[in-house]
Amino acid sequence: MRDQRKIDADNLKLLAILHFVLAAMSLLGIAFLFLHWLFMHTLIGNPEMWKNQKGGPPPEQFLAIFYWFYAIFGGMILAAGITNVISGCMILKRRARVFSLIVAALDCMFFPFGTCLGVFTFVVLLRDTVREVYEVEAVPAPPVVG
């Protein structure tokens, strides 16, 4: 039978790696969002596309709504990536367990990979043996005299 401390250490290492992977996937999401913006900007902003249309090009407010859409979702994806990197680092250092649980709750919104990672994070970090590891790591060592 394997030692529970070894299982916990392996699970925490895997959990940190998966947080880094989800952060890298958020970079891909930002790249996709940029390509989508480029496509829509080229398509809607091109006057040649609209010269045969009765109504002409869409109003400027239509493009402004798209710009807000890209800004808001780009910010959310960027924030998710940054918090996942921080959470991965904190898991490796066995610090800020509650922060990692909050990030896991937010990751659950990013279906399907974020949801899987969030649930796995809850399963691992809410174990009593993992909680004890975080508490032991958080207690500073007594000063060495002599």
Protein backbone atom coordinates (compact mmCIF):
# COMPACT_ATOMS: atom_id res chain seq x y z
CA MET A 1 0.00 0.00 0.00
CA ARG A 2 1.34 3.39 -0.99
CA ASP A 3 2.02 6.08 1.53
CA GLN A 4 -0.70 8.78 1.52
CA ARG A 5 1.98 11.51 1.72
CA LYS A 6 3.49 10.27 -1.54
CA ILE A 7 0.06 10.17 -3.20
CA ASP A 8 -0.67 13.71 -2.00
CA ALA A 9 2.70 14.98 -3.22
CA ASP A 10 2.14 13.40 -6.65
CA ASN A 11 -1.38 14.81 -6.88
CA LEU A 12 -0.22 18.30 -5.90
CA LYS A 13 2.57 18.21 -8.47
CA LEU A 14 0.12 17.11 -11.17
CA LEU A 15 -2.34 19.76 -10.04
CA ALA A 16 0.28 22.50 -10.38
CA ILE A 17 1.23 21.28 -13.87
CA LEU A 18 -2.41 21.28 -14.93
CA HIS A 19 -2.82 24.84 -13.69
CA PHE A 20 0.12 25.84 -15.88
CA VAL A 21 -1.41 23.97 -18.83
CA LEU A 22 -4.72 25.80 -18.40
CA ALA A 23 -2.82 29.09 -18.24
CA ALA A 24 -1.11 28.21 -21.54
CA MET A 25 -4.50 27.37 -23.01
CA SER A 26 -5.70 30.82 -22.03
CA LEU A 27 -2.87 32.24 -24.15
CA LEU A 28 -4.27 30.24 -27.05
CA GLY A 29 -7.69 31.69 -26.23
CA ILE A 30 -6.28 35.22 -26.40
CA ALA A 31 -4.71 34.39 -29.78
CA PHE A 32 -8.03 33.02 -31.06
CA LEU A 33 -9.85 36.12 -29.80
CA PHE A 34 -7.33 38.35 -31.60
CA LEU A 35 -7.77 36.42 -34.85
CA HIS A 36 -11.54 36.67 -34.51
CA TRP A 37 -11.25 40.43 -33.94
CA LEU A 38 -9.00 40.76 -36.98
CA PHE A 39 -11.47 38.83 -39.14
CA MET A 40 -14.50 40.81 -37.95
CA HIS A 41 -12.68 44.14 -38.21
CA THR A 42 -11.61 43.35 -41.77
CA LEU A 43 -15.03 42.07 -42.77
CA ILE A 44 -17.20 44.77 -41.21
CA GLY A 45 -14.79 47.67 -41.66
CA ASN A 46 -14.18 47.05 -45.39
CA PRO A 47 -16.21 49.57 -47.47
CA GLU A 48 -15.97 47.35 -50.57
CA MET A 49 -18.07 44.70 -48.80
CA TRP A 50 -20.94 47.15 -48.38
CA LYS A 51 -21.07 49.05 -51.69
CA ASN A 52 -23.82 46.82 -53.18
CA GLN A 53 -25.91 46.74 -50.00
CA LYS A 54 -28.97 49.00 -49.71
CA GLY A 55 -28.39 49.96 -46.10
CA GLY A 56 -24.64 50.50 -46.37
CA PRO A 57 -22.16 49.47 -43.70
CA PRO A 58 -23.31 48.85 -40.15
CA PRO A 59 -23.16 51.85 -37.85
CA GLU A 60 -20.08 52.65 -35.84
CA GLN A 61 -21.93 51.69 -32.66
CA PHE A 62 -22.12 48.13 -33.94
CA LEU A 63 -18.33 47.96 -34.15
CA ALA A 64 -18.01 49.63 -30.74
CA ILE A 65 -20.12 46.85 -29.19
CA PHE A 66 -17.76 44.27 -30.71
CA TYR A 67 -14.74 46.12 -29.33
CA TRP A 68 -16.23 46.04 -25.82
CA PHE A 69 -16.96 42.34 -26.26
CA TYR A 70 -13.34 41.64 -27.18
CA ALA A 71 -11.98 43.81 -24.36
CA ILE A 72 -14.15 42.20 -21.68
CA PHE A 73 -13.61 38.59 -22.74
CA GLY A 74 -9.92 39.19 -23.42
CA GLY A 75 -9.55 40.60 -19.92
CA MET A 76 -11.35 37.63 -18.40
CA ILE A 77 -9.20 35.13 -20.29
CA LEU A 78 -6.02 37.01 -19.36
CA ALA A 79 -7.04 37.19 -15.69
CA ALA A 80 -7.79 33.44 -15.70
CA GLY A 81 -4.37 32.71 -17.16
CA ILE A 82 -2.54 34.89 -14.64
CA THR A 83 -4.42 33.50 -11.65
CA ASN A 84 -3.77 29.94 -12.81
CA VAL A 85 -0.03 30.62 -13.04
CA ILE A 86 -0.06 32.10 -9.54
CA SER A 87 -2.14 29.19 -8.24
CA GLY A 88 0.23 26.65 -9.82
CA CYS A 89 3.21 28.35 -8.16
CA MET A 90 1.44 28.46 -4.80
CA ILE A 91 0.53 24.77 -5.03
CA LEU A 92 4.18 23.90 -5.68
CA LYS A 93 5.18 25.96 -2.62
CA ARG A 94 2.28 24.59 -0.53
CA ARG A 95 1.03 28.11 0.20
CA ALA A 96 -2.28 29.99 -0.23
CA ARG A 97 -4.57 26.96 -0.33
CA VAL A 98 -7.71 29.11 -0.11
CA PHE A 99 -6.54 31.19 -3.10
CA SER A 100 -6.12 28.00 -5.12
CA LEU A 101 -9.62 26.91 -4.11
CA ILE A 102 -11.03 30.27 -5.27
CA VAL A 103 -9.19 29.95 -8.59
CA ALA A 104 -10.58 26.41 -8.91
CA ALA A 105 -14.11 27.76 -8.44
CA LEU A 106 -13.51 30.32 -11.18
CA ASP A 107 -11.94 27.68 -13.42
CA CYS A 108 -15.18 25.72 -13.28
CA MET A 109 -16.69 28.35 -15.62
CA PHE A 110 -14.29 27.41 -18.42
CA PHE A 111 -15.96 24.26 -19.69
CA PRO A 112 -14.72 21.52 -20.22
CA PHE A 113 -11.04 21.70 -19.20
CA GLY A 114 -11.44 24.32 -16.49
CA THR A 115 -14.35 22.41 -15.00
CA CYS A 116 -12.32 19.21 -14.79
CA LEU A 117 -9.36 21.05 -13.27
CA GLY A 118 -11.60 22.87 -10.79
CA VAL A 119 -13.22 19.65 -9.58
CA PHE A 120 -9.85 17.87 -9.35
CA THR A 121 -8.46 20.83 -7.40
CA PHE A 122 -11.35 20.64 -4.93
CA VAL A 123 -10.95 16.88 -4.51
CA VAL A 124 -7.23 17.17 -3.79
CA LEU A 125 -7.06 20.39 -1.75
CA LEU A 126 -10.01 19.53 0.50
CA ARG A 127 -8.43 16.27 1.67
CA ASP A 128 -7.48 16.32 5.35
CA THR A 129 -3.99 14.98 4.62
CA VAL A 130 -3.34 17.77 2.08
CA ARG A 131 -4.70 20.38 4.49
CA GLU A 132 -2.20 19.11 7.07
CA VAL A 133 0.67 19.43 4.56
CA TYR A 134 -0.29 23.07 3.92
CA GLU A 135 -0.51 23.77 7.66
CA VAL A 136 2.90 22.20 8.33
CA GLU A 137 4.47 24.18 5.47
CA ALA A 138 2.88 27.42 6.71
CA VAL A 139 4.36 27.15 10.21
CA PRO A 140 7.75 28.86 10.24
CA ALA A 141 10.66 26.85 11.59
CA PRO A 142 11.95 27.91 15.00
CA PRO A 143 15.15 29.91 14.87
CA VAL A 144 18.33 27.96 15.27
CA VAL A 145 20.39 29.12 18.22
CA GLY A 146 23.97 28.35 18.53
